[in-house]
Amino acid sequence: MSQASCRDFDPELWFPFSPLSKDGQFALAVCAGCPVSEQCLARAERHGVRHGIWGGQWMENKRVADLDQDALRAAVRSARDAGWGQALIARHLRLPHQSVARLLREIGR
């Protein structure tokens, strides 16, 4: 995909630990303005890709809920600090709303 906005960046940026990390947010921002993001996502889905960011979507098959609690708290804290609400955090991290509410209480709103 010669028109891809990501073509001149380090590919590792599209395989962050979390879509909420600095690298993850950067990759998502690049994808947001990419002229071929729909084709990229379609190709990833067609080939069963389950890791990284493709076409502006987090494809990770590892459930965020399986992360250790410190990493999970860090991801929720980053999202909260970026201005994300509980519902948005729950949707992007694929966690139940109750779990996100508990984590937000633990880290202090």
N, C-alpha and C. Protein backbone atom coordinates (compact mmCIF):
# COMPACT_ATOMS: atom_id res chain seq x y z
N MET A 1 0.84 -1.18 0.00
CA MET A 1 0.00 0.00 0.00
C MET A 1 0.88 1.24 0.00
N SER A 2 1.22 1.66 -1.18
CA SER A 2 2.16 2.78 -1.32
C SER A 2 1.59 4.11 -0.85
N GLN A 3 0.27 4.22 -0.69
CA GLN A 3 -0.33 5.46 -0.24
C GLN A 3 -0.53 5.50 1.28
N ALA A 4 -0.16 4.45 1.97
CA ALA A 4 -0.39 4.37 3.42
C ALA A 4 0.38 5.45 4.17
N SER A 5 -0.30 6.11 5.09
CA SER A 5 0.33 7.16 5.89
C SER A 5 1.44 6.63 6.79
N CYS A 6 1.40 5.34 7.09
CA CYS A 6 2.38 4.75 8.01
C CYS A 6 3.66 4.31 7.31
N ARG A 7 3.73 4.38 6.01
CA ARG A 7 4.82 3.76 5.24
C ARG A 7 6.21 4.27 5.62
N ASP A 8 6.33 5.49 6.15
CA ASP A 8 7.65 6.04 6.48
C ASP A 8 7.99 5.96 7.96
N PHE A 9 7.17 5.28 8.74
CA PHE A 9 7.40 5.16 10.18
C PHE A 9 7.86 3.76 10.54
N ASP A 10 8.44 3.64 11.72
CA ASP A 10 8.87 2.34 12.24
C ASP A 10 7.63 1.45 12.43
N PRO A 11 7.59 0.29 11.80
CA PRO A 11 6.42 -0.59 11.92
C PRO A 11 6.11 -1.00 13.36
N GLU A 12 7.10 -0.99 14.23
CA GLU A 12 6.88 -1.38 15.62
C GLU A 12 5.87 -0.48 16.32
N LEU A 13 5.72 0.75 15.83
CA LEU A 13 4.76 1.67 16.45
C LEU A 13 3.33 1.14 16.35
N TRP A 14 3.08 0.27 15.38
CA TRP A 14 1.73 -0.27 15.18
C TRP A 14 1.50 -1.56 15.95
N PHE A 15 2.44 -1.90 16.83
CA PHE A 15 2.31 -3.08 17.68
C PHE A 15 2.60 -2.71 19.13
N PRO A 16 1.86 -1.73 19.66
CA PRO A 16 2.10 -1.28 21.04
C PRO A 16 1.53 -2.26 22.06
N PHE A 17 1.94 -2.09 23.29
CA PHE A 17 1.40 -2.89 24.39
C PHE A 17 -0.09 -2.62 24.55
N SER A 18 -0.47 -1.37 24.35
CA SER A 18 -1.86 -0.96 24.51
C SER A 18 -2.18 0.14 23.51
N PRO A 19 -3.42 0.21 23.03
CA PRO A 19 -3.78 1.31 22.14
C PRO A 19 -3.81 2.64 22.89
N LEU A 20 -3.74 2.58 24.21
CA LEU A 20 -3.75 3.80 25.01
C LEU A 20 -2.35 4.32 25.30
N SER A 21 -1.33 3.55 24.93
CA SER A 21 0.05 3.98 25.15
C SER A 21 0.38 5.13 24.21
N LYS A 22 1.50 5.78 24.45
CA LYS A 22 1.92 6.88 23.58
C LYS A 22 2.07 6.40 22.14
N ASP A 23 2.73 5.27 21.93
CA ASP A 23 2.88 4.71 20.58
C ASP A 23 1.53 4.35 19.97
N GLY A 24 0.67 3.74 20.78
CA GLY A 24 -0.65 3.37 20.30
C GLY A 24 -1.46 4.58 19.87
N GLN A 25 -1.43 5.63 20.67
CA GLN A 25 -2.17 6.85 20.32
C GLN A 25 -1.61 7.49 19.05
N PHE A 26 -0.28 7.45 18.91
CA PHE A 26 0.35 7.99 17.71
C PHE A 26 -0.10 7.20 16.47
N ALA A 27 -0.04 5.89 16.58
CA ALA A 27 -0.43 5.04 15.45
C ALA A 27 -1.89 5.28 15.07
N LEU A 28 -2.76 5.36 16.05
CA LEU A 28 -4.17 5.60 15.77
C LEU A 28 -4.38 6.96 15.11
N ALA A 29 -3.60 7.97 15.54
CA ALA A 29 -3.72 9.30 14.93
C ALA A 29 -3.27 9.28 13.47
N VAL A 30 -2.18 8.56 13.19
CA VAL A 30 -1.71 8.45 11.80
C VAL A 30 -2.77 7.74 10.95
N CYS A 31 -3.33 6.68 11.48
CA CYS A 31 -4.36 5.93 10.75
C CYS A 31 -5.60 6.78 10.49
N ALA A 32 -5.92 7.67 11.42
CA ALA A 32 -7.13 8.48 11.28
C ALA A 32 -7.10 9.33 10.01
N GLY A 33 -5.91 9.75 9.59
CA GLY A 33 -5.81 10.56 8.39
C GLY A 33 -5.33 9.80 7.16
N CYS A 34 -5.30 8.50 7.25
CA CYS A 34 -4.76 7.69 6.15
C CYS A 34 -5.79 7.47 5.04
N PRO A 35 -5.39 7.67 3.80
CA PRO A 35 -6.33 7.49 2.69
C PRO A 35 -6.67 6.02 2.39
N VAL A 36 -5.90 5.08 2.95
CA VAL A 36 -6.17 3.66 2.67
C VAL A 36 -6.50 2.87 3.94
N SER A 37 -6.96 3.56 4.98
CA SER A 37 -7.22 2.87 6.24
C SER A 37 -8.30 1.79 6.11
N GLU A 38 -9.32 2.04 5.31
CA GLU A 38 -10.37 1.03 5.14
C GLU A 38 -9.83 -0.22 4.46
N GLN A 39 -8.99 -0.04 3.45
CA GLN A 39 -8.40 -1.20 2.78
C GLN A 39 -7.45 -1.95 3.71
N CYS A 40 -6.73 -1.21 4.52
CA CYS A 40 -5.80 -1.82 5.48
C CYS A 40 -6.56 -2.70 6.47
N LEU A 41 -7.63 -2.15 7.03
CA LEU A 41 -8.44 -2.91 7.99
C LEU A 41 -9.06 -4.13 7.31
N ALA A 42 -9.59 -3.95 6.13
CA ALA A 42 -10.21 -5.07 5.41
C ALA A 42 -9.19 -6.18 5.15
N ARG A 43 -7.99 -5.80 4.77
CA ARG A 43 -6.95 -6.80 4.50
C ARG A 43 -6.58 -7.56 5.78
N ALA A 44 -6.43 -6.81 6.88
CA ALA A 44 -6.10 -7.45 8.16
C ALA A 44 -7.19 -8.42 8.58
N GLU A 45 -8.44 -8.01 8.43
CA GLU A 45 -9.55 -8.89 8.80
C GLU A 45 -9.62 -10.11 7.87
N ARG A 46 -9.39 -9.90 6.60
CA ARG A 46 -9.42 -10.99 5.62
C ARG A 46 -8.36 -12.05 5.94
N HIS A 47 -7.21 -11.60 6.45
CA HIS A 47 -6.11 -12.52 6.75
C HIS A 47 -6.10 -12.97 8.21
N GLY A 48 -7.11 -12.58 8.97
CA GLY A 48 -7.21 -13.02 10.36
C GLY A 48 -6.16 -12.44 11.29
N VAL A 49 -5.68 -11.24 10.98
CA VAL A 49 -4.67 -10.60 11.82
C VAL A 49 -5.27 -10.31 13.19
N ARG A 50 -4.55 -10.66 14.23
CA ARG A 50 -5.04 -10.49 15.60
C ARG A 50 -4.08 -9.70 16.49
N HIS A 51 -3.14 -9.02 15.89
CA HIS A 51 -2.19 -8.25 16.69
C HIS A 51 -1.94 -6.90 16.04
N GLY A 52 -1.79 -5.88 16.85
CA GLY A 52 -1.42 -4.56 16.36
C GLY A 52 -2.59 -3.68 15.97
N ILE A 53 -2.25 -2.56 15.39
CA ILE A 53 -3.23 -1.58 14.92
C ILE A 53 -3.23 -1.61 13.40
N TRP A 54 -4.40 -1.83 12.84
CA TRP A 54 -4.57 -1.93 11.39
C TRP A 54 -5.78 -1.11 11.00
N GLY A 55 -5.61 -0.19 10.08
CA GLY A 55 -6.73 0.62 9.63
C GLY A 55 -7.38 1.40 10.75
N GLY A 56 -6.61 1.76 11.75
CA GLY A 56 -7.13 2.53 12.87
C GLY A 56 -7.86 1.72 13.91
N GLN A 57 -7.76 0.39 13.86
CA GLN A 57 -8.44 -0.49 14.81
C GLN A 57 -7.43 -1.34 15.58
N TRP A 58 -7.68 -1.51 16.85
CA TRP A 58 -6.85 -2.36 17.72
C TRP A 58 -7.28 -3.80 17.48
N MET A 59 -6.38 -4.62 17.00
CA MET A 59 -6.71 -5.98 16.59
C MET A 59 -6.32 -7.04 17.63
N GLU A 60 -5.86 -6.62 18.76
CA GLU A 60 -5.30 -7.55 19.74
C GLU A 60 -6.31 -8.59 20.18
N ASN A 61 -5.92 -9.84 20.13
CA ASN A 61 -6.82 -10.90 20.55
C ASN A 61 -6.63 -11.23 22.03
N LYS A 62 -5.52 -10.77 22.61
CA LYS A 62 -5.33 -11.00 24.04
C LYS A 62 -6.27 -10.07 24.79
N ARG A 63 -7.08 -10.63 25.63
CA ARG A 63 -8.02 -9.80 26.38
C ARG A 63 -7.26 -8.90 27.34
N VAL A 64 -7.64 -7.64 27.35
CA VAL A 64 -7.00 -6.70 28.27
C VAL A 64 -7.23 -7.15 29.70
N ALA A 65 -8.34 -7.83 29.94
CA ALA A 65 -8.64 -8.30 31.30
C ALA A 65 -7.60 -9.31 31.79
N ASP A 66 -6.84 -9.90 30.88
CA ASP A 66 -5.82 -10.87 31.27
C ASP A 66 -4.50 -10.22 31.67
N LEU A 67 -4.39 -8.91 31.53
CA LEU A 67 -3.17 -8.22 31.91
C LEU A 67 -3.03 -8.22 33.43
N ASP A 68 -1.80 -8.04 33.91
CA ASP A 68 -1.64 -7.93 35.35
C ASP A 68 -2.30 -6.63 35.81
N GLN A 69 -2.68 -6.57 37.04
CA GLN A 69 -3.45 -5.44 37.56
C GLN A 69 -2.72 -4.11 37.45
N ASP A 70 -1.41 -4.10 37.61
CA ASP A 70 -0.67 -2.84 37.48
C ASP A 70 -0.75 -2.30 36.05
N ALA A 71 -0.62 -3.18 35.06
CA ALA A 71 -0.71 -2.76 33.66
C ALA A 71 -2.13 -2.29 33.34
N LEU A 72 -3.11 -2.98 33.89
CA LEU A 72 -4.50 -2.60 33.66
C LEU A 72 -4.80 -1.24 34.28
N ARG A 73 -4.34 -1.02 35.50
CA ARG A 73 -4.52 0.29 36.14
C ARG A 73 -3.84 1.39 35.33
N ALA A 74 -2.65 1.11 34.82
CA ALA A 74 -1.93 2.10 34.02
C ALA A 74 -2.69 2.45 32.75
N ALA A 75 -3.27 1.46 32.10
CA ALA A 75 -4.04 1.71 30.88
C ALA A 75 -5.28 2.54 31.19
N VAL A 76 -5.97 2.21 32.28
CA VAL A 76 -7.16 2.97 32.67
C VAL A 76 -6.78 4.39 33.07
N ARG A 77 -5.70 4.53 33.81
CA ARG A 77 -5.23 5.86 34.23
C ARG A 77 -4.89 6.71 33.00
N SER A 78 -4.21 6.13 32.02
CA SER A 78 -3.86 6.87 30.80
C SER A 78 -5.11 7.33 30.06
N ALA A 79 -6.08 6.44 29.97
CA ALA A 79 -7.33 6.79 29.29
C ALA A 79 -8.07 7.89 30.04
N ARG A 80 -8.13 7.76 31.36
CA ARG A 80 -8.80 8.78 32.17
C ARG A 80 -8.11 10.12 32.01
N ASP A 81 -6.78 10.11 32.06
CA ASP A 81 -6.01 11.35 31.94
C ASP A 81 -6.14 11.98 30.56
N ALA A 82 -6.46 11.16 29.55
CA ALA A 82 -6.68 11.67 28.19
C ALA A 82 -8.10 12.21 28.02
N GLY A 83 -8.91 12.12 29.09
CA GLY A 83 -10.25 12.66 29.05
C GLY A 83 -11.33 11.66 28.67
N TRP A 84 -10.97 10.38 28.60
CA TRP A 84 -11.95 9.36 28.24
C TRP A 84 -12.87 9.09 29.42
N GLY A 85 -14.13 8.89 29.15
CA GLY A 85 -15.10 8.52 30.17
C GLY A 85 -15.13 7.02 30.39
N GLN A 86 -15.87 6.62 31.41
CA GLN A 86 -15.94 5.21 31.78
C GLN A 86 -16.43 4.33 30.63
N ALA A 87 -17.46 4.76 29.93
CA ALA A 87 -18.01 3.94 28.84
C ALA A 87 -17.00 3.76 27.71
N LEU A 88 -16.30 4.81 27.36
CA LEU A 88 -15.32 4.73 26.29
C LEU A 88 -14.15 3.83 26.68
N ILE A 89 -13.71 3.95 27.92
CA ILE A 89 -12.63 3.09 28.41
C ILE A 89 -13.07 1.62 28.35
N ALA A 90 -14.27 1.35 28.84
CA ALA A 90 -14.77 -0.03 28.84
C ALA A 90 -14.84 -0.59 27.43
N ARG A 91 -15.33 0.21 26.49
CA ARG A 91 -15.45 -0.27 25.12
C ARG A 91 -14.09 -0.56 24.49
N HIS A 92 -13.15 0.37 24.65
CA HIS A 92 -11.85 0.20 24.01
C HIS A 92 -10.99 -0.88 24.67
N LEU A 93 -11.15 -1.05 25.97
CA LEU A 93 -10.37 -2.08 26.65
C LEU A 93 -11.12 -3.41 26.72
N ARG A 94 -12.34 -3.42 26.19
CA ARG A 94 -13.17 -4.64 26.19
C ARG A 94 -13.34 -5.19 27.60
N LEU A 95 -13.69 -4.29 28.51
CA LEU A 95 -13.91 -4.66 29.90
C LEU A 95 -15.34 -4.33 30.30
N PRO A 96 -15.90 -5.06 31.26
CA PRO A 96 -17.22 -4.70 31.78
C PRO A 96 -17.17 -3.33 32.46
N HIS A 97 -18.26 -2.60 32.37
CA HIS A 97 -18.32 -1.27 32.99
C HIS A 97 -18.01 -1.32 34.49
N GLN A 98 -18.46 -2.39 35.15
CA GLN A 98 -18.22 -2.53 36.58
C GLN A 98 -16.73 -2.63 36.88
N SER A 99 -16.00 -3.32 36.03
CA SER A 99 -14.55 -3.46 36.23
C SER A 99 -13.86 -2.11 36.06
N VAL A 100 -14.29 -1.35 35.06
CA VAL A 100 -13.69 -0.03 34.84
C VAL A 100 -14.02 0.88 36.01
N ALA A 101 -15.25 0.83 36.50
CA ALA A 101 -15.63 1.66 37.65
C ALA A 101 -14.77 1.32 38.85
N ARG A 102 -14.55 0.03 39.09
CA ARG A 102 -13.71 -0.39 40.22
C ARG A 102 -12.28 0.13 40.05
N LEU A 103 -11.73 -0.01 38.84
CA LEU A 103 -10.36 0.45 38.60
C LEU A 103 -10.25 1.97 38.76
N LEU A 104 -11.25 2.69 38.29
CA LEU A 104 -11.24 4.15 38.45
C LEU A 104 -11.27 4.52 39.93
N ARG A 105 -12.05 3.80 40.73
CA ARG A 105 -12.08 4.06 42.18
C ARG A 105 -10.70 3.78 42.79
N GLU A 106 -10.09 2.67 42.36
CA GLU A 106 -8.78 2.28 42.90
C GLU A 106 -7.70 3.31 42.61
N ILE A 107 -7.71 3.86 41.40
CA ILE A 107 -6.66 4.82 41.04
C ILE A 107 -7.02 6.24 41.45
N GLY A 108 -8.27 6.43 41.87
CA GLY A 108 -8.72 7.76 42.30
C GLY A 108 -9.08 8.63 41.12
N ARG A 109 -10.30 9.00 41.07
CA ARG A 109 -10.77 9.86 39.97
C ARG A 109 -10.12 11.18 40.14
